[in-house]
Amino acid sequence: QLANWAYAPQALTLSSGMLAGQATIRQLMLEGYTFVYSPDAHPAVWHVPQVEIPTISFEEWSQSITQILATISGSKVAIVTNSVDALRGRSYDFEWVYQLPDTHDIVLVVDDSHGLGVSGNEGKGIWQKLPQLPHIRKIVTASLAKGMGLAGGVIFSDSDTLQRIRYSAYFGGCSPIAPT
């Protein structure tokens, strides 16, 4: 029901947004992805200890993303960003995603913890606003505690991605959402 509400193909719930982010990042680590972070990327989706957060603005970063990708030697790249600038209260534009080349296996990871429940069509978050491109796999993570007032977290993605996360050791050690 949560996936249908947010216009996503599937949803996987966890006990917190932090665990949703870390379960996602850890699975991508196991799959061998190189991580590229946008400015102000939420710590829930950091690949610690190798996080290099750019100090330029989001707009400068998004304009230079194709040049950034050209410097990466591996073919598997996870681009990690937020849906909104939580400190300044503004939504990010994702038109830059249309510029991403099909020369890499790209996963776009978007933390929507500060958007889900308050932004998008009827508060349904970022999923519907993200470009639908065949060469880019999308994963959206979010806390349900902020805009929705529920103690838990969620990962939205395709069924194959969520199946791999669901059967990972990291997810197996996570707690479910506590009943209210």
C-alpha atoms as a PDB file:
ATOM      1  CA  GLN A   1       0.000   0.000   0.000  1.00  0.00           C
ATOM      2  CA  LEU A   2       2.861   2.385   0.797  1.00  0.00           C
ATOM      3  CA  ALA A   3       4.440   1.755  -2.625  1.00  0.00           C
ATOM      4  CA  ASN A   4       1.134   2.357  -4.416  1.00  0.00           C
ATOM      5  CA  TRP A   5       0.545   5.534  -2.438  1.00  0.00           C
ATOM      6  CA  ALA A   6       3.998   6.904  -3.381  1.00  0.00           C
ATOM      7  CA  TYR A   7       3.681   5.742  -7.038  1.00  0.00           C
ATOM      8  CA  ALA A   8       6.705   3.436  -6.592  1.00  0.00           C
ATOM      9  CA  PRO A   9       6.904  -0.138  -7.870  1.00  0.00           C
ATOM     10  CA  GLN A  10       7.702  -1.704  -4.469  1.00  0.00           C
ATOM     11  CA  ALA A  11       8.418  -0.692  -0.863  1.00  0.00           C
ATOM     12  CA  LEU A  12      10.418  -2.312   1.920  1.00  0.00           C
ATOM     13  CA  THR A  13       9.968  -1.035   5.479  1.00  0.00           C
ATOM     14  CA  LEU A  14      12.528  -0.954   8.286  1.00  0.00           C
ATOM     15  CA  SER A  15      12.566   0.417  11.823  1.00  0.00           C
ATOM     16  CA  SER A  16      14.097   3.775  10.822  1.00  0.00           C
ATOM     17  CA  GLY A  17      15.152   5.960   7.928  1.00  0.00           C
ATOM     18  CA  MET A  18      18.760   5.564   9.010  1.00  0.00           C
ATOM     19  CA  LEU A  19      18.498   1.782   8.643  1.00  0.00           C
ATOM     20  CA  ALA A  20      16.734   2.180   5.284  1.00  0.00           C
ATOM     21  CA  GLY A  21      19.644   4.293   4.056  1.00  0.00           C
ATOM     22  CA  GLN A  22      22.337   2.042   5.460  1.00  0.00           C
ATOM     23  CA  ALA A  23      20.715  -1.185   4.207  1.00  0.00           C
ATOM     24  CA  THR A  24      20.643   0.367   0.730  1.00  0.00           C
ATOM     25  CA  ILE A  25      24.231   1.625   0.824  1.00  0.00           C
ATOM     26  CA  ARG A  26      25.569  -1.637   2.236  1.00  0.00           C
ATOM     27  CA  GLN A  27      23.872  -3.642  -0.520  1.00  0.00           C
ATOM     28  CA  LEU A  28      25.369  -1.359  -3.182  1.00  0.00           C
ATOM     29  CA  MET A  29      28.772  -1.756  -1.509  1.00  0.00           C
ATOM     30  CA  LEU A  30      28.420  -5.547  -1.814  1.00  0.00           C
ATOM     31  CA  GLU A  31      27.499  -5.131  -5.482  1.00  0.00           C
ATOM     32  CA  GLY A  32      30.726  -3.160  -6.101  1.00  0.00           C
ATOM     33  CA  TYR A  33      29.420   0.345  -6.746  1.00  0.00           C
ATOM     34  CA  THR A  34      31.575   3.471  -6.566  1.00  0.00           C
ATOM     35  CA  PHE A  35      29.774   6.242  -4.659  1.00  0.00           C
ATOM     36  CA  VAL A  36      29.389   9.841  -5.853  1.00  0.00           C
ATOM     37  CA  TYR A  37      27.817  12.174  -3.289  1.00  0.00           C
ATOM     38  CA  SER A  38      26.018  15.448  -3.817  1.00  0.00           C
ATOM     39  CA  PRO A  39      26.552  18.386  -1.474  1.00  0.00           C
ATOM     40  CA  ASP A  40      24.658  18.000   1.811  1.00  0.00           C
ATOM     41  CA  ALA A  41      23.947  14.277   1.245  1.00  0.00           C
ATOM     42  CA  HIS A  42      22.225  12.956   4.356  1.00  0.00           C
ATOM     43  CA  PRO A  43      24.443  10.909   6.735  1.00  0.00           C
ATOM     44  CA  ALA A  44      21.896   8.066   6.605  1.00  0.00           C
ATOM     45  CA  VAL A  45      23.175   7.263   3.106  1.00  0.00           C
ATOM     46  CA  TRP A  46      26.884   7.739   3.710  1.00  0.00           C
ATOM     47  CA  HIS A  47      29.330   4.973   2.860  1.00  0.00           C
ATOM     48  CA  VAL A  48      31.534   5.448   5.885  1.00  0.00           C
ATOM     49  CA  PRO A  49      34.503   5.992   6.098  1.00  0.00           C
ATOM     50  CA  GLN A  50      35.014   6.875   2.431  1.00  0.00           C
ATOM     51  CA  VAL A  51      32.609   9.792   2.088  1.00  0.00           C
ATOM     52  CA  GLU A  52      33.688  12.805   0.086  1.00  0.00           C
ATOM     53  CA  ILE A  53      30.960  15.424   0.294  1.00  0.00           C
ATOM     54  CA  PRO A  54      31.469  18.254  -2.221  1.00  0.00           C
ATOM     55  CA  THR A  55      31.660  21.778  -0.840  1.00  0.00           C
ATOM     56  CA  ILE A  56      30.122  23.407  -3.929  1.00  0.00           C
ATOM     57  CA  SER A  57      26.421  24.209  -4.268  1.00  0.00           C
ATOM     58  CA  PHE A  58      23.959  21.566  -5.405  1.00  0.00           C
ATOM     59  CA  GLU A  59      23.399  23.509  -8.616  1.00  0.00           C
ATOM     60  CA  GLU A  60      27.143  23.612  -9.408  1.00  0.00           C
ATOM     61  CA  TRP A  61      27.438  19.927  -8.575  1.00  0.00           C
ATOM     62  CA  SER A  62      24.481  18.912 -10.765  1.00  0.00           C
ATOM     63  CA  GLN A  63      25.901  20.924 -13.682  1.00  0.00           C
ATOM     64  CA  SER A  64      29.228  19.109 -13.370  1.00  0.00           C
ATOM     65  CA  ILE A  65      27.936  15.560 -12.771  1.00  0.00           C
ATOM     66  CA  THR A  66      28.823  14.305 -16.269  1.00  0.00           C
ATOM     67  CA  GLN A  67      32.412  15.543 -15.794  1.00  0.00           C
ATOM     68  CA  ILE A  68      32.517  13.858 -12.379  1.00  0.00           C
ATOM     69  CA  LEU A  69      31.351  10.562 -13.882  1.00  0.00           C
ATOM     70  CA  ALA A  70      34.023  10.830 -16.602  1.00  0.00           C
ATOM     71  CA  THR A  71      36.712  10.636 -13.897  1.00  0.00           C
ATOM     72  CA  ILE A  72      35.431   7.333 -12.468  1.00  0.00           C
ATOM     73  CA  SER A  73      37.262   4.264 -13.693  1.00  0.00           C
ATOM     74  CA  GLY A  74      34.672   1.654 -12.643  1.00  0.00           C
ATOM     75  CA  SER A  75      31.508   1.027 -14.590  1.00  0.00           C
ATOM     76  CA  LYS A  76      29.166   0.800 -11.569  1.00  0.00           C
ATOM     77  CA  VAL A  77      28.291   4.164 -10.024  1.00  0.00           C
ATOM     78  CA  ALA A  78      25.827   5.040  -7.260  1.00  0.00           C
ATOM     79  CA  ILE A  79      24.905   8.728  -7.268  1.00  0.00           C
ATOM     80  CA  VAL A  80      23.718   9.611  -3.757  1.00  0.00           C
ATOM     81  CA  THR A  81      21.720  12.745  -3.015  1.00  0.00           C
ATOM     82  CA  ASN A  82      18.783  14.237  -1.112  1.00  0.00           C
ATOM     83  CA  SER A  83      15.386  15.184  -2.482  1.00  0.00           C
ATOM     84  CA  VAL A  84      15.351  18.479  -0.604  1.00  0.00           C
ATOM     85  CA  ASP A  85      17.724  20.894   1.057  1.00  0.00           C
ATOM     86  CA  ALA A  86      16.370  20.459   4.573  1.00  0.00           C
ATOM     87  CA  LEU A  87      18.306  23.411   5.995  1.00  0.00           C
ATOM     88  CA  ARG A  88      16.998  25.882   3.431  1.00  0.00           C
ATOM     89  CA  GLY A  89      13.549  24.351   2.865  1.00  0.00           C
ATOM     90  CA  ARG A  90      13.739  23.947  -0.902  1.00  0.00           C
ATOM     91  CA  SER A  91      13.269  21.000  -3.235  1.00  0.00           C
ATOM     92  CA  TYR A  92      16.054  20.004  -5.579  1.00  0.00           C
ATOM     93  CA  ASP A  93      15.583  19.930  -9.340  1.00  0.00           C
ATOM     94  CA  PHE A  94      16.342  16.556 -10.946  1.00  0.00           C
ATOM     95  CA  GLU A  95      16.505  17.646 -14.596  1.00  0.00           C
ATOM     96  CA  TRP A  96      20.246  16.927 -14.481  1.00  0.00           C
ATOM     97  CA  VAL A  97      19.453  13.207 -14.401  1.00  0.00           C
ATOM     98  CA  TYR A  98      18.543  13.430 -18.105  1.00  0.00           C
ATOM     99  CA  GLN A  99      22.205  14.326 -18.789  1.00  0.00           C
ATOM    100  CA  LEU A 100      23.590  11.138 -17.226  1.00  0.00           C
ATOM    101  CA  PRO A 101      25.387   8.976 -19.776  1.00  0.00           C
ATOM    102  CA  ASP A 102      24.505   5.363 -20.476  1.00  0.00           C
ATOM    103  CA  THR A 103      28.194   4.420 -20.316  1.00  0.00           C
ATOM    104  CA  HIS A 104      27.954   3.472 -16.624  1.00  0.00           C
ATOM    105  CA  ASP A 105      25.692   1.152 -14.659  1.00  0.00           C
ATOM    106  CA  ILE A 106      24.071   3.991 -12.663  1.00  0.00           C
ATOM    107  CA  VAL A 107      21.992   3.757  -9.522  1.00  0.00           C
ATOM    108  CA  LEU A 108      20.381   6.986  -8.344  1.00  0.00           C
ATOM    109  CA  VAL A 109      19.922   6.890  -4.551  1.00  0.00           C
ATOM    110  CA  VAL A 110      17.735   9.705  -3.249  1.00  0.00           C
ATOM    111  CA  ASP A 111      17.114  10.249   0.460  1.00  0.00           C
ATOM    112  CA  ASP A 112      13.576  11.639   0.761  1.00  0.00           C
ATOM    113  CA  SER A 113      13.476  11.766   4.570  1.00  0.00           C
ATOM    114  CA  HIS A 114      12.688  15.481   4.589  1.00  0.00           C
ATOM    115  CA  GLY A 115      10.254  15.309   1.665  1.00  0.00           C
ATOM    116  CA  LEU A 116       8.062  12.229   2.061  1.00  0.00           C
ATOM    117  CA  GLY A 117       4.792  13.247   3.665  1.00  0.00           C
ATOM    118  CA  VAL A 118       5.138  16.952   2.810  1.00  0.00           C
ATOM    119  CA  SER A 119       6.443  17.381  -0.756  1.00  0.00           C
ATOM    120  CA  GLY A 120       5.375  16.045  -4.116  1.00  0.00           C
ATOM    121  CA  ASN A 121       1.826  15.388  -5.232  1.00  0.00           C
ATOM    122  CA  GLU A 122      -0.258  15.251  -2.008  1.00  0.00           C
ATOM    123  CA  GLY A 123       2.912  14.699   0.047  1.00  0.00           C
ATOM    124  CA  LYS A 124       3.754  11.479  -1.779  1.00  0.00           C
ATOM    125  CA  GLY A 125       7.418  12.371  -2.098  1.00  0.00           C
ATOM    126  CA  ILE A 126      10.008  12.405  -4.859  1.00  0.00           C
ATOM    127  CA  TRP A 127       9.535   9.069  -6.661  1.00  0.00           C
ATOM    128  CA  GLN A 128       6.996  10.345  -9.179  1.00  0.00           C
ATOM    129  CA  LYS A 129       9.122  13.437  -9.932  1.00  0.00           C
ATOM    130  CA  LEU A 130      12.318  11.515 -10.713  1.00  0.00           C
ATOM    131  CA  PRO A 131      13.059  10.919 -14.397  1.00  0.00           C
ATOM    132  CA  GLN A 132      12.175   7.448 -15.653  1.00  0.00           C
ATOM    133  CA  LEU A 133      15.172   6.392 -17.742  1.00  0.00           C
ATOM    134  CA  PRO A 134      15.927   2.813 -18.793  1.00  0.00           C
ATOM    135  CA  HIS A 135      19.645   3.049 -18.002  1.00  0.00           C
ATOM    136  CA  ILE A 136      19.216   4.356 -14.437  1.00  0.00           C
ATOM    137  CA  ARG A 137      18.023   2.273 -11.498  1.00  0.00           C
ATOM    138  CA  LYS A 138      16.291   4.345  -8.815  1.00  0.00           C
ATOM    139  CA  ILE A 139      16.278   3.784  -5.078  1.00  0.00           C
ATOM    140  CA  VAL A 140      14.544   6.207  -2.716  1.00  0.00           C
ATOM    141  CA  THR A 141      15.080   5.919   1.036  1.00  0.00           C
ATOM    142  CA  ALA A 142      13.164   7.834   3.674  1.00  0.00           C
ATOM    143  CA  SER A 143      12.325   8.211   7.299  1.00  0.00           C
ATOM    144  CA  LEU A 144       8.621   7.895   7.964  1.00  0.00           C
ATOM    145  CA  ALA A 145       9.048   9.715  11.282  1.00  0.00           C
ATOM    146  CA  LYS A 146       9.445  13.243   9.952  1.00  0.00           C
ATOM    147  CA  GLY A 147       6.637  14.195   7.566  1.00  0.00           C
ATOM    148  CA  MET A 148       4.416  11.188   8.241  1.00  0.00           C
ATOM    149  CA  GLY A 149       4.725  10.819  12.013  1.00  0.00           C
ATOM    150  CA  LEU A 150       5.360   7.054  11.872  1.00  0.00           C
ATOM    151  CA  ALA A 151       8.257   5.386  13.653  1.00  0.00           C
ATOM    152  CA  GLY A 152       9.991   3.655  10.749  1.00  0.00           C
ATOM    153  CA  GLY A 153      11.784   3.904   7.446  1.00  0.00           C
ATOM    154  CA  VAL A 154      11.162   2.819   3.870  1.00  0.00           C
ATOM    155  CA  ILE A 155      13.055   1.940   0.705  1.00  0.00           C
ATOM    156  CA  PHE A 156      11.280   2.383  -2.638  1.00  0.00           C
ATOM    157  CA  SER A 157      12.688   0.645  -5.719  1.00  0.00           C
ATOM    158  CA  ASP A 158      12.112  -2.153  -8.198  1.00  0.00           C
ATOM    159  CA  SER A 159      11.351  -5.640  -6.901  1.00  0.00           C
ATOM    160  CA  ASP A 160      14.767  -7.144  -7.823  1.00  0.00           C
ATOM    161  CA  THR A 161      16.642  -4.464  -5.871  1.00  0.00           C
ATOM    162  CA  LEU A 162      14.408  -4.789  -2.829  1.00  0.00           C
ATOM    163  CA  GLN A 163      14.629  -8.587  -2.965  1.00  0.00           C
ATOM    164  CA  ARG A 164      18.445  -8.396  -2.736  1.00  0.00           C
ATOM    165  CA  ILE A 165      18.220  -5.981   0.206  1.00  0.00           C
ATOM    166  CA  ARG A 166      15.521  -8.084   1.913  1.00  0.00           C
ATOM    167  CA  TYR A 167      17.738 -11.185   1.857  1.00  0.00           C
ATOM    168  CA  SER A 168      20.934  -9.393   2.915  1.00  0.00           C
ATOM    169  CA  ALA A 169      22.507 -10.080   6.304  1.00  0.00           C
ATOM    170  CA  TYR A 170      22.217  -6.382   7.145  1.00  0.00           C
ATOM    171  CA  PHE A 171      18.452  -6.361   6.614  1.00  0.00           C
ATOM    172  CA  GLY A 172      18.162  -9.646   8.487  1.00  0.00           C
ATOM    173  CA  GLY A 173      19.662  -7.968  11.542  1.00  0.00           C
ATOM    174  CA  CYS A 174      17.370  -4.931  11.344  1.00  0.00           C
ATOM    175  CA  SER A 175      14.262  -4.582  13.439  1.00  0.00           C
ATOM    176  CA  PRO A 176      10.859  -4.145  11.834  1.00  0.00           C
ATOM    177  CA  ILE A 177       8.658  -1.118  12.384  1.00  0.00           C
ATOM    178  CA  ALA A 178       7.343  -1.250  15.950  1.00  0.00           C
ATOM    179  CA  PRO A 179       3.557  -1.697  16.099  1.00  0.00           C
ATOM    180  CA  THR A 180       1.678   1.377  17.299  1.00  0.00           C
END
